[in-house]
Amino acid sequence: MDSNFKKLGINDSLLASINDLGFELPSPIQEEAIPLALEGADIVGLSQTGSGKTAAFSLPMLQLIDLEFKGTQGLVLCPTRELAVQVAEEIQRLASHMKNFYATPIYGGAPIDRQIKALKKGVHIVVGTPGRIIDHLKRRTLKLDDINMMVLDEADRMLDMGFRDEMEEILDSLPEDRQTMFFSATMNKAVTHLIKSYSRDAKTLNIKTSTVTVESIDQTYYEVRNRSKIEVLSRLLDMQFNSKGIIFCNTKQMVEEVAETLTYRGYMADRIHGDINQSTREKVIKRFREGKIELLVATDVAARGLDIDDIEYVFNYDLPYDPEDYVHRIGRTARAGRSGKSITFVFGRDIHRLEAIQRYTKQAVKRLKIPTQEDVEGAKADSLLLKVRDVLESGEYANFETIFDRLLDAGNTPSDIMSALFHLLKGDKARELESITEDSEEFGKQPRSYQEGGNSRKKKRYGGGGKRFNRRGDRGGDRGGDRGGDRGGDRGGKRGGDRSKSDNQFSRFSKSRKKKQ
């Protein structure tokens, strides 16, 4: 599925990395920026946070560097240490098929001697914050003589944070014939002045977004670590969702993993993504439309054109990087005058992208507490009680008095008999969310926002909500520590937990949810 990126002029080694990451379609900013960047043009990319800008400049930069030469040839300037680390990691993932390639992030708040050691070994691309870049220039541990491509990522934010002097000092230190790219969410006088002073006939790419209408959708989110997502999803499905729903993931690999795990646990689930042929996809959608499948796990590209009116809810298992993709996803529900629900999983830096989505839609997304196992058991018991009561009120049931009398004669009390029957109805192999790895104690607690990094698997359109490439979007982080010195702690924390399937497998409680043969 790399042909869409191939049309942009991307070489085979980078296409292999894109395919490994499971991304299917380039985002709009990537479609416009990559061909121009490969031609050597200076670029001004105006696009919302999380629209795939990282890949838009990283792919051309990687393709144009000389791997045989160990000097620093590419420089990316970022406003915060968190973003610098994220961009550097993304560049490394994209370069996974490039032998002897090296990139490193340099930022304040981290030991400078370790960064000096990495630079001495030879680094092709440096990603850094303005203050720490200046520190290295003063120490002469970073040389910019061989830079042929310079990127200012989130230029507007760096200016807002007061880094103008540092940015201009760095730009003045670069070779005059280098290629310069500015990426920004907004255009203001300060950004315009910087562009005029430090670029050559820069081409402006303005990616506009469409209007949004999501008023009829109840939007909620849960903060949950990556490794616990499948457990939280299972709890929510068991508690309140009994009709058709779509679960969106950002990559084909994640779709396969989630669909496989849900099916193993007894849910009526199937999946669609770009690697599934058209005839199979049509069969899956037909079964979903007819109600033979309750849960459809999908990527954004695969779900395009899906027109089904009775979808009750949408899960954003992975948060899209593009707010517009979020709107497209949740718009699959609340059709034909109905109401709908969207449930989003976020953690760590995802919070910043969620805030951007709320600004874009001009609507709040409510945070809810992760249900405990007791909550699940209570909801299942309440549901079972209502079903039994409805049957009793209807009077439409067979008479089993003889069997009941035999149980009484054996010395059982009516309450014991009822408890045993309810136990059987619930399912003797009921899903017991016993220990979810060694963190089971913490599982029911709400994780602390901003303390641990989120999912590193990005959206399908490379990074973004659809199948776009790796749309990064967190604009978080403070200024402390980025202007040299070691002020301020690293708010990025650890990157999100490992994405793994749980070892404990479960069967369904409800008879109605057993997979039909």
Protein backbone atom coordinates (compact mmCIF):
# COMPACT_ATOMS: atom_id res chain seq x y z
CA MET A 1 0.00 0.00 0.00
CA ASP A 2 2.96 2.36 -0.50
CA SER A 3 2.03 3.42 -4.04
CA ASN A 4 0.41 6.64 -2.84
CA PHE A 5 3.69 7.76 -1.29
CA LYS A 6 5.65 6.48 -4.28
CA LYS A 7 3.78 8.91 -6.53
CA LEU A 8 5.20 11.73 -4.41
CA GLY A 9 8.74 10.70 -5.37
CA ILE A 10 9.69 8.78 -2.23
CA ASN A 11 12.47 6.21 -2.72
CA ASP A 12 12.25 2.49 -2.03
CA SER A 13 13.99 2.40 1.37
CA LEU A 14 11.64 5.03 2.78
CA LEU A 15 8.64 3.33 1.19
CA ALA A 16 9.65 0.14 2.99
CA SER A 17 9.61 1.98 6.32
CA ILE A 18 6.23 3.52 5.58
CA ASN A 19 4.87 0.09 4.74
CA ASP A 20 6.33 -1.38 7.93
CA LEU A 21 4.60 1.30 9.97
CA GLY A 22 1.28 0.43 8.33
CA PHE A 23 0.40 3.85 6.97
CA GLU A 24 -1.71 3.95 3.86
CA LEU A 25 -2.32 7.46 2.54
CA PRO A 26 -0.34 10.68 2.72
CA SER A 27 -2.06 13.61 4.40
CA PRO A 28 -2.86 16.79 2.43
CA ILE A 29 0.21 18.64 3.72
CA GLN A 30 2.40 15.68 2.78
CA GLU A 31 0.93 15.47 -0.72
CA GLU A 32 1.76 19.11 -1.37
CA ALA A 33 5.00 19.56 0.55
CA ILE A 34 6.99 16.41 -0.28
CA PRO A 35 7.31 16.89 -4.08
CA LEU A 36 8.28 20.56 -3.65
CA ALA A 37 10.79 19.75 -0.91
CA LEU A 38 12.40 17.06 -3.07
CA GLU A 39 12.86 19.68 -5.79
CA GLY A 40 14.76 21.86 -3.31
CA ALA A 41 12.14 24.60 -2.89
CA ASP A 42 11.78 26.62 0.29
CA ILE A 43 8.36 25.98 1.84
CA VAL A 44 5.94 27.61 4.25
CA GLY A 45 3.48 24.94 5.42
CA LEU A 46 0.40 26.26 7.19
CA SER A 47 -1.46 23.35 8.66
CA GLN A 48 -3.13 22.43 11.91
CA THR A 49 -1.31 20.68 14.70
CA GLY A 50 -1.25 16.96 14.04
CA SER A 51 -1.77 17.13 10.29
CA GLY A 52 1.31 15.08 9.40
CA LYS A 53 3.88 17.86 9.15
CA THR A 54 6.64 15.72 10.67
CA ALA A 55 6.65 13.28 7.77
CA ALA A 56 6.13 16.13 5.30
CA PHE A 57 9.61 17.46 6.04
CA SER A 58 11.32 14.30 7.38
CA LEU A 59 10.85 12.16 4.28
CA PRO A 60 12.44 14.67 1.86
CA MET A 61 15.21 15.43 4.34
CA LEU A 62 16.05 11.73 4.70
CA GLN A 63 15.97 11.18 0.96
CA LEU A 64 18.33 14.08 0.24
CA ILE A 65 21.06 13.39 2.80
CA ASP A 66 24.34 11.70 1.89
CA LEU A 67 24.77 8.65 4.14
CA GLU A 68 28.45 8.35 3.26
CA PHE A 69 29.16 11.76 4.74
CA LYS A 70 29.04 11.85 8.57
CA GLY A 71 28.60 15.60 8.93
CA THR A 72 25.30 17.10 10.12
CA GLN A 73 23.26 17.83 6.99
CA GLY A 74 19.78 18.44 8.39
CA LEU A 75 18.61 20.58 11.32
CA VAL A 76 15.10 20.65 12.81
CA LEU A 77 14.26 23.34 15.35
CA CYS A 78 11.40 22.64 17.79
CA PRO A 79 9.85 24.73 20.59
CA THR A 80 9.94 22.07 23.34
CA ARG A 81 12.04 19.12 24.42
CA GLU A 82 9.01 16.81 24.16
CA LEU A 83 8.50 17.70 20.53
CA ALA A 84 12.21 17.43 19.76
CA VAL A 85 12.29 13.88 21.15
CA GLN A 86 9.12 12.94 19.30
CA VAL A 87 10.37 14.29 15.96
CA ALA A 88 13.75 12.57 16.36
CA GLU A 89 12.05 9.26 17.12
CA GLU A 90 9.81 9.65 14.09
CA ILE A 91 12.78 10.35 11.87
CA GLN A 92 14.51 7.21 13.18
CA ARG A 93 11.42 5.12 12.42
CA LEU A 94 11.24 6.49 8.89
CA ALA A 95 14.94 5.75 8.42
CA SER A 96 14.70 2.16 9.67
CA HIS A 97 15.77 0.81 6.25
CA MET A 98 18.65 3.30 5.83
CA LYS A 99 21.97 1.73 6.87
CA ASN A 100 24.37 3.72 9.00
CA PHE A 101 21.95 6.60 9.49
CA TYR A 102 22.12 8.62 12.70
CA ALA A 103 19.86 11.30 14.19
CA THR A 104 19.79 12.71 17.70
CA PRO A 105 17.65 15.11 19.76
CA ILE A 106 19.41 17.81 21.79
CA TYR A 107 17.50 19.84 24.35
CA GLY A 108 17.82 21.52 27.73
CA GLY A 109 17.21 19.63 30.94
CA ALA A 110 19.37 16.69 29.83
CA PRO A 111 23.12 16.09 30.40
CA ILE A 112 24.98 18.03 27.74
CA ASP A 113 28.03 15.73 27.86
CA ARG A 114 25.92 12.83 26.59
CA GLN A 115 24.74 14.97 23.69
CA ILE A 116 28.33 16.04 22.93
CA LYS A 117 29.37 12.39 22.81
CA ALA A 118 26.58 11.59 20.32
CA LEU A 119 27.50 14.56 18.12
CA LYS A 120 31.17 13.57 18.04
CA LYS A 121 30.27 10.17 16.61
CA GLY A 122 28.70 11.86 13.60
CA VAL A 123 24.99 12.65 13.21
CA HIS A 124 23.20 13.20 9.92
CA ILE A 125 20.19 15.03 11.37
CA VAL A 126 19.95 17.03 14.59
CA VAL A 127 16.59 17.85 16.17
CA GLY A 128 16.80 20.41 18.94
CA THR A 129 15.39 23.28 20.95
CA PRO A 130 16.74 26.80 20.31
CA GLY A 131 18.44 27.29 23.68
CA ARG A 132 20.39 24.04 23.66
CA ILE A 133 21.38 24.45 20.00
CA ILE A 134 22.91 27.81 20.92
CA ASP A 135 24.76 26.14 23.84
CA HIS A 136 26.35 23.64 21.45
CA LEU A 137 27.24 26.34 18.94
CA LYS A 138 29.02 28.31 21.67
CA ARG A 139 30.89 25.18 22.76
CA ARG A 140 31.66 24.41 19.10
CA THR A 141 30.34 20.89 19.62
CA LEU A 142 27.81 21.38 16.79
CA LYS A 143 28.88 22.61 13.37
CA LEU A 144 26.34 23.92 10.88
CA ASP A 145 28.67 24.37 7.89
CA ASP A 146 27.25 21.35 6.02
CA ILE A 147 23.54 21.95 6.68
CA ASN A 148 21.62 21.73 3.42
CA MET A 149 18.10 21.62 4.89
CA MET A 150 16.72 23.58 7.84
CA VAL A 151 13.24 23.08 9.30
CA LEU A 152 11.48 25.32 11.82
CA ASP A 153 8.70 23.16 13.25
CA GLU A 154 5.90 25.13 14.92
CA ALA A 155 7.65 28.40 14.13
CA ASP A 156 4.75 30.44 15.53
CA ARG A 157 5.02 28.72 18.90
CA MET A 158 8.76 29.25 19.14
CA LEU A 159 8.22 32.96 18.51
CA ASP A 160 5.41 33.07 21.08
CA MET A 161 7.77 31.49 23.62
CA GLY A 162 10.33 34.25 23.12
CA PHE A 163 12.91 32.35 21.07
CA ARG A 164 13.18 34.91 18.28
CA ASP A 165 16.77 35.96 19.06
CA GLU A 166 17.96 32.36 19.28
CA MET A 167 16.15 31.42 16.07
CA GLU A 168 17.73 34.31 14.17
CA GLU A 169 21.18 33.54 15.57
CA ILE A 170 20.89 29.93 14.41
CA LEU A 171 19.58 30.90 10.98
CA ASP A 172 22.42 33.42 10.56
CA SER A 173 24.92 30.60 11.26
CA LEU A 174 23.68 28.43 8.38
CA PRO A 175 25.06 28.27 4.83
CA GLU A 176 23.25 30.72 2.55
CA ASP A 177 22.43 28.08 -0.05
CA ARG A 178 20.55 25.78 2.35
CA GLN A 179 16.90 24.85 1.87
CA THR A 180 14.55 26.28 4.52
CA MET A 181 11.10 25.05 5.51
CA PHE A 182 8.75 26.74 7.96
CA PHE A 183 5.82 24.81 9.42
CA SER A 184 3.26 26.63 11.48
CA ALA A 185 -0.39 26.41 12.53
CA THR A 186 -0.88 30.17 12.17
CA MET A 187 0.60 33.02 10.18
CA ASN A 188 1.32 36.28 11.95
CA LYS A 189 3.59 39.29 11.43
CA ALA A 190 6.47 37.76 13.33
CA VAL A 191 6.36 34.54 11.28
CA THR A 192 6.02 36.55 8.05
CA HIS A 193 9.07 38.66 8.91
CA LEU A 194 11.13 35.55 9.68
CA ILE A 195 10.13 33.93 6.39
CA LYS A 196 10.98 37.03 4.33
CA SER A 197 14.35 37.38 6.04
CA TYR A 198 15.49 33.77 5.86
CA SER A 199 13.96 32.12 2.79
CA ARG A 200 14.17 32.35 -0.99
CA ASP A 201 10.83 32.66 -2.78
CA ALA A 202 9.21 30.24 -0.35
CA LYS A 203 6.14 28.42 -1.63
CA THR A 204 3.19 28.77 0.77
CA LEU A 205 1.02 25.72 1.32
CA ASN A 206 -2.17 26.50 3.19
CA ILE A 207 -4.09 23.37 4.17
CA LYS A 208 -7.65 24.32 5.01
CA THR A 209 -10.08 22.21 6.99
CA SER A 210 -13.77 21.76 6.43
CA THR A 211 -16.58 22.80 8.73
CA VAL A 212 -17.76 20.45 11.44
CA THR A 213 -21.12 19.35 12.81
CA VAL A 214 -21.04 16.94 15.73
CA GLU A 215 -23.66 18.44 18.04
CA SER A 216 -25.82 15.32 18.23
CA ILE A 217 -22.96 13.08 19.39
CA ASP A 218 -22.19 12.44 23.06
CA GLN A 219 -18.39 12.72 23.15
CA THR A 220 -16.41 11.22 26.02
CA TYR A 221 -12.85 10.10 26.67
CA TYR A 222 -10.90 7.88 29.05
CA GLU A 223 -7.29 8.26 30.05
CA VAL A 224 -5.79 4.80 29.72
CA ARG A 225 -2.34 3.37 29.09
CA ASN A 226 -1.75 1.63 25.78
CA ARG A 227 -1.23 -1.78 27.35
CA SER A 228 -4.60 -1.58 29.12
CA LYS A 229 -6.72 -0.31 26.22
CA ILE A 230 -8.13 -3.72 25.28
CA GLU A 231 -9.22 -4.34 28.88
CA VAL A 232 -10.97 -0.99 29.17
CA LEU A 233 -12.62 -1.55 25.79
CA SER A 234 -13.88 -4.95 26.96
CA ARG A 235 -15.30 -3.50 30.15
CA LEU A 236 -17.12 -0.74 28.31
CA LEU A 237 -18.52 -3.15 25.74
CA ASP A 238 -19.75 -5.46 28.49
CA MET A 239 -21.37 -2.65 30.41
CA GLN A 240 -23.27 -0.54 27.94
CA PHE A 241 -22.88 -1.26 24.25
CA ASN A 242 -25.09 -3.91 22.72
CA SER A 243 -25.47 -2.82 19.12
CA LYS A 244 -23.33 -1.90 16.13
CA GLY A 245 -20.14 0.03 16.70
CA ILE A 246 -16.94 0.90 14.87
CA ILE A 247 -13.52 0.80 16.51
CA PHE A 248 -10.99 3.00 14.71
CA CYS A 249 -7.26 2.30 14.82
CA ASN A 250 -4.47 4.20 13.14
CA THR A 251 -2.60 1.35 11.51
CA LYS A 252 -3.36 -1.93 9.79
CA GLN A 253 -1.32 -3.83 12.35
CA MET A 254 -3.34 -2.43 15.22
CA VAL A 255 -6.61 -3.26 13.45
CA GLU A 256 -5.51 -6.88 13.10
CA GLU A 257 -4.43 -7.09 16.72
CA VAL A 258 -7.60 -5.56 18.18
CA ALA A 259 -9.94 -7.57 15.95
CA GLU A 260 -8.13 -10.82 16.73
CA THR A 261 -8.23 -10.21 20.48
CA LEU A 262 -11.92 -9.24 20.50
CA THR A 263 -12.86 -12.28 18.45
CA TYR A 264 -10.87 -14.55 20.76
CA ARG A 265 -12.76 -13.09 23.69
CA GLY A 266 -16.07 -13.99 22.11
CA TYR A 267 -17.18 -10.69 20.58
CA MET A 268 -18.80 -10.71 17.16
CA ALA A 269 -16.06 -8.65 15.51
CA ASP A 270 -14.32 -8.39 12.17
CA ARG A 271 -11.98 -5.93 10.51
CA ILE A 272 -11.30 -3.97 7.35
CA HIS A 273 -8.13 -2.16 6.27
CA GLY A 274 -6.16 -1.38 3.16
CA ASP A 275 -4.53 -4.80 2.79
CA ILE A 276 -7.86 -6.63 2.66
CA ASN A 277 -9.09 -7.15 -0.90
CA GLN A 278 -12.27 -5.52 -2.10
CA SER A 279 -14.42 -8.65 -2.27
CA THR A 280 -13.57 -9.62 1.32
CA ARG A 281 -14.15 -6.07 2.48
CA GLU A 282 -17.59 -6.05 0.87
CA LYS A 283 -18.50 -9.32 2.58
CA VAL A 284 -17.44 -7.99 5.97
CA ILE A 285 -19.41 -4.78 5.50
CA LYS A 286 -22.46 -6.77 4.37
CA ARG A 287 -22.31 -8.89 7.52
CA PHE A 288 -21.91 -5.77 9.62
CA ARG A 289 -24.89 -4.10 7.94
CA GLU A 290 -27.03 -7.22 8.51
CA GLY A 291 -26.09 -7.38 12.20
CA LYS A 292 -24.11 -10.60 11.95
CA ILE A 293 -21.13 -8.59 13.19
CA GLU A 294 -21.52 -6.20 16.11
CA LEU A 295 -18.07 -4.64 16.06
CA LEU A 296 -16.15 -3.45 13.02
CA VAL A 297 -12.47 -2.64 13.60
CA ALA A 298 -11.22 -0.37 10.84
CA THR A 299 -8.72 2.13 9.55
CA ASP A 300 -9.89 5.49 8.26
CA VAL A 301 -9.17 4.74 4.61
CA ALA A 302 -10.95 1.39 4.70
CA ALA A 303 -14.03 2.95 6.32
CA ARG A 304 -14.45 5.57 3.62
CA GLY A 305 -17.80 5.34 1.91
CA LEU A 306 -19.24 3.22 4.71
CA ASP A 307 -22.89 4.27 4.81
CA ILE A 308 -24.79 2.51 7.62
CA ASP A 309 -27.47 4.39 9.54
CA ASP A 310 -27.78 2.35 12.75
CA ILE A 311 -24.24 2.63 14.13
CA GLU A 312 -24.72 3.49 17.81
CA TYR A 313 -21.16 4.31 18.81
CA VAL A 314 -17.62 4.91 17.60
CA PHE A 315 -14.46 4.10 19.55
CA ASN A 316 -11.24 6.00 18.84
CA TYR A 317 -8.95 3.23 20.03
CA ASP A 318 -6.11 5.36 18.69
CA LEU A 319 -6.58 9.12 18.74
CA PRO A 320 -6.33 10.61 15.24
CA TYR A 321 -3.71 13.30 14.78
CA ASP A 322 -5.92 15.38 12.51
CA PRO A 323 -9.03 17.00 14.06
CA GLU A 324 -10.80 16.63 10.73
CA ASP A 325 -10.28 12.87 10.85
CA TYR A 326 -11.79 12.84 14.33
CA VAL A 327 -14.91 14.53 12.96
CA HIS A 328 -15.13 12.09 10.06
CA ARG A 329 -14.82 9.14 12.42
CA ILE A 330 -17.45 10.12 14.94
CA GLY A 331 -19.72 11.24 12.11
CA ARG A 332 -20.28 7.54 11.34
CA THR A 333 -22.79 7.55 14.19
CA ALA A 334 -25.79 9.86 14.86
CA ARG A 335 -27.10 9.49 11.32
CA ALA A 336 -30.66 9.72 10.04
CA GLY A 337 -31.75 11.88 12.96
CA ARG A 338 -30.41 9.51 15.60
CA SER A 339 -28.12 10.35 18.48
CA GLY A 340 -24.76 8.68 18.86
CA LYS A 341 -21.77 8.22 21.13
CA SER A 342 -18.04 8.55 20.63
CA ILE A 343 -15.52 7.15 23.09
CA THR A 344 -11.85 8.10 22.80
CA PHE A 345 -8.81 6.60 24.50
CA VAL A 346 -5.98 9.02 25.30
CA PHE A 347 -2.90 9.12 27.45
CA GLY A 348 0.02 11.45 28.09
CA ARG A 349 0.73 13.67 25.13
CA ASP A 350 -2.53 12.66 23.46
CA ILE A 351 -4.17 15.14 25.83
CA HIS A 352 -2.74 18.03 23.83
CA ARG A 353 -4.16 16.69 20.57
CA LEU A 354 -7.51 16.16 22.24
CA GLU A 355 -7.47 19.79 23.34
CA ALA A 356 -6.78 20.81 19.74
CA ILE A 357 -9.74 18.69 18.62
CA GLN A 358 -12.01 20.39 21.14
CA ARG A 359 -10.93 23.80 19.90
CA TYR A 360 -11.54 22.69 16.32
CA THR A 361 -15.03 21.28 16.98
CA LYS A 362 -15.85 24.00 19.54
CA GLN A 363 -17.30 21.26 21.74
CA ALA A 364 -16.21 19.71 24.98
CA VAL A 365 -15.25 16.05 25.24
CA LYS A 366 -16.15 14.78 28.72
CA ARG A 367 -13.66 12.82 30.74
CA LEU A 368 -15.05 9.69 32.40
CA LYS A 369 -13.61 7.39 35.02
CA ILE A 370 -12.50 3.92 33.95
CA PRO A 371 -15.09 1.43 35.23
CA THR A 372 -13.90 -1.07 37.80
CA GLN A 373 -14.60 -4.79 37.57
CA GLU A 374 -17.26 -4.27 40.26
CA ASP A 375 -18.93 -1.70 37.99
CA VAL A 376 -18.96 -4.23 35.18
CA GLU A 377 -20.40 -6.97 37.38
CA GLY A 378 -23.05 -4.60 38.68
CA ALA A 379 -24.06 -3.50 35.20
CA LYS A 380 -24.28 -7.10 34.00
CA ALA A 381 -26.38 -8.06 37.01
CA ASP A 382 -28.72 -5.10 36.45
CA SER A 383 -29.09 -6.00 32.79
CA LEU A 384 -29.84 -9.62 33.64
CA LEU A 385 -32.36 -8.57 36.29
CA LEU A 386 -34.20 -6.38 33.78
CA LYS A 387 -34.33 -9.21 31.25
CA VAL A 388 -35.75 -11.66 33.80
CA ARG A 389 -38.29 -9.09 34.98
CA ASP A 390 -39.40 -8.43 31.40
CA VAL A 391 -39.92 -12.16 30.83
CA LEU A 392 -41.90 -12.48 34.06
CA GLU A 393 -44.10 -9.51 33.14
CA SER A 394 -44.76 -10.87 29.67
CA GLY A 395 -45.80 -14.29 31.01
CA GLU A 396 -44.25 -15.89 27.94
CA TYR A 397 -42.04 -18.56 29.43
CA ALA A 398 -42.15 -22.33 29.91
CA ASN A 399 -43.07 -23.88 33.25
CA PHE A 400 -40.22 -25.63 35.10
CA GLU A 401 -41.94 -26.16 38.45
CA THR A 402 -41.09 -29.86 38.46
CA ILE A 403 -37.37 -29.17 38.23
CA PHE A 404 -37.67 -26.40 40.83
CA ASP A 405 -39.45 -28.79 43.24
CA ARG A 406 -36.74 -31.38 42.76
CA LEU A 407 -34.09 -28.83 43.67
CA LEU A 408 -36.11 -27.83 46.76
CA ASP A 409 -36.47 -31.47 47.76
CA ALA A 410 -32.70 -31.82 47.57
CA GLY A 411 -32.44 -29.28 50.39
CA ASN A 412 -31.70 -26.10 48.39
CA THR A 413 -33.33 -22.81 49.34
CA PRO A 414 -35.14 -20.68 46.70
CA SER A 415 -32.46 -17.99 47.00
CA ASP A 416 -29.69 -20.56 46.43
CA ILE A 417 -31.47 -21.88 43.35
CA MET A 418 -31.97 -18.37 41.99
CA SER A 419 -28.30 -17.48 42.61
CA ALA A 420 -27.14 -20.63 40.82
CA LEU A 421 -29.39 -19.91 37.83
CA PHE A 422 -28.18 -16.33 37.62
CA HIS A 423 -24.61 -17.59 37.79
CA LEU A 424 -25.29 -19.91 34.86
CA LEU A 425 -27.04 -17.19 32.86
CA LYS A 426 -24.13 -14.88 33.44
CA GLY A 427 -21.78 -17.55 32.20
CA ASP A 428 -19.69 -19.80 34.32
CA LYS A 429 -16.68 -18.87 32.24
CA ALA A 430 -17.41 -15.25 32.85
CA ARG A 431 -14.76 -12.81 31.93
CA GLU A 432 -12.67 -12.34 35.02
CA LEU A 433 -10.41 -9.39 34.60
CA GLU A 434 -8.07 -10.85 37.13
CA SER A 435 -4.61 -9.49 36.87
CA ILE A 436 -3.90 -7.20 33.97
CA THR A 437 -0.18 -7.59 34.07
CA GLU A 438 1.54 -6.58 37.24
CA ASP A 439 -0.12 -3.16 37.09
CA SER A 440 -3.58 -4.53 37.92
CA GLU A 441 -3.73 -2.51 41.11
CA GLU A 442 -3.21 0.68 39.20
CA PHE A 443 -5.50 -0.26 36.36
CA GLY A 444 -8.69 1.16 37.83
CA LYS A 445 -6.99 4.40 38.74
CA GLN A 446 -6.92 7.39 36.44
CA PRO A 447 -3.43 7.90 35.05
CA ARG A 448 -1.79 11.26 35.52
CA SER A 449 -2.01 13.43 32.45
CA TYR A 450 1.19 14.82 31.03
CA GLN A 451 3.33 12.35 32.98
CA GLU A 452 3.78 9.51 30.53
CA GLY A 453 3.97 9.55 26.77
CA GLY A 454 1.20 8.12 24.63
CA ASN A 455 0.90 5.78 21.73
CA SER A 456 3.83 5.96 19.40
CA ARG A 457 1.98 4.20 16.62
CA LYS A 458 0.60 6.98 14.56
CA LYS A 459 -2.19 7.50 12.27
CA LYS A 460 -2.77 5.95 9.08
CA ARG A 461 -2.31 8.80 6.94
CA TYR A 462 1.04 8.96 8.40
CA GLY A 463 0.62 10.07 11.70
CA GLY A 464 -2.79 11.28 11.56
CA GLY A 465 -6.22 10.26 12.16
CA GLY A 466 -6.81 8.74 8.87
CA LYS A 467 -4.20 6.71 7.41
CA ARG A 468 -1.94 9.52 7.25
CA PHE A 469 1.57 9.40 8.19
CA ASN A 470 2.45 10.01 11.69
CA ARG A 471 0.76 13.16 12.40
CA ARG A 472 2.24 14.50 15.48
CA GLY A 473 0.38 16.96 17.37
CA ASP A 474 1.40 17.58 20.88
CA ARG A 475 2.21 21.14 21.46
CA GLY A 476 2.78 20.62 25.12
CA GLY A 477 5.76 21.23 27.23
CA ASP A 478 7.14 24.24 28.99
CA ARG A 479 9.82 26.57 28.05
CA GLY A 480 12.04 25.76 30.99
CA GLY A 481 15.19 23.89 30.16
CA ASP A 482 15.01 24.65 26.44
CA ARG A 483 17.04 27.82 26.57
CA GLY A 484 20.23 26.30 27.77
CA GLY A 485 21.07 25.08 31.23
CA ASP A 486 19.16 22.37 32.99
CA ARG A 487 16.10 24.21 34.19
CA GLY A 488 12.82 22.41 34.28
CA GLY A 489 12.14 18.72 34.37
CA ASP A 490 11.27 16.61 31.40
CA ARG A 491 7.51 16.61 31.20
CA GLY A 492 7.57 14.05 28.44
CA GLY A 493 8.28 11.24 30.88
CA LYS A 494 8.44 7.69 29.65
CA ARG A 495 6.94 6.88 26.33
CA GLY A 496 3.71 4.99 26.50
CA GLY A 497 3.56 1.45 27.76
CA ASP A 498 4.06 -1.52 25.55
CA ARG A 499 1.25 -2.33 23.29
CA SER A 500 0.63 -5.98 23.96
CA LYS A 501 -2.25 -8.36 24.03
CA SER A 502 -3.29 -9.45 27.47
CA ASP A 503 -2.45 -12.96 28.50
CA ASN A 504 -5.78 -13.55 30.14
CA GLN A 505 -8.50 -14.44 27.68
CA PHE A 506 -12.15 -14.44 28.44
CA SER A 507 -15.49 -15.71 27.19
CA ARG A 508 -18.61 -13.60 26.94
CA PHE A 509 -21.20 -13.31 29.65
CA SER A 510 -24.20 -12.80 27.44
CA LYS A 511 -25.64 -15.65 25.47
CA SER A 512 -26.78 -13.25 22.82
CA ARG A 513 -23.17 -12.18 22.24
CA LYS A 514 -21.81 -15.67 21.60
CA LYS A 515 -20.29 -15.93 18.20
CA LYS A 516 -22.68 -17.51 15.76
CA GLN A 517 -21.33 -20.39 13.84
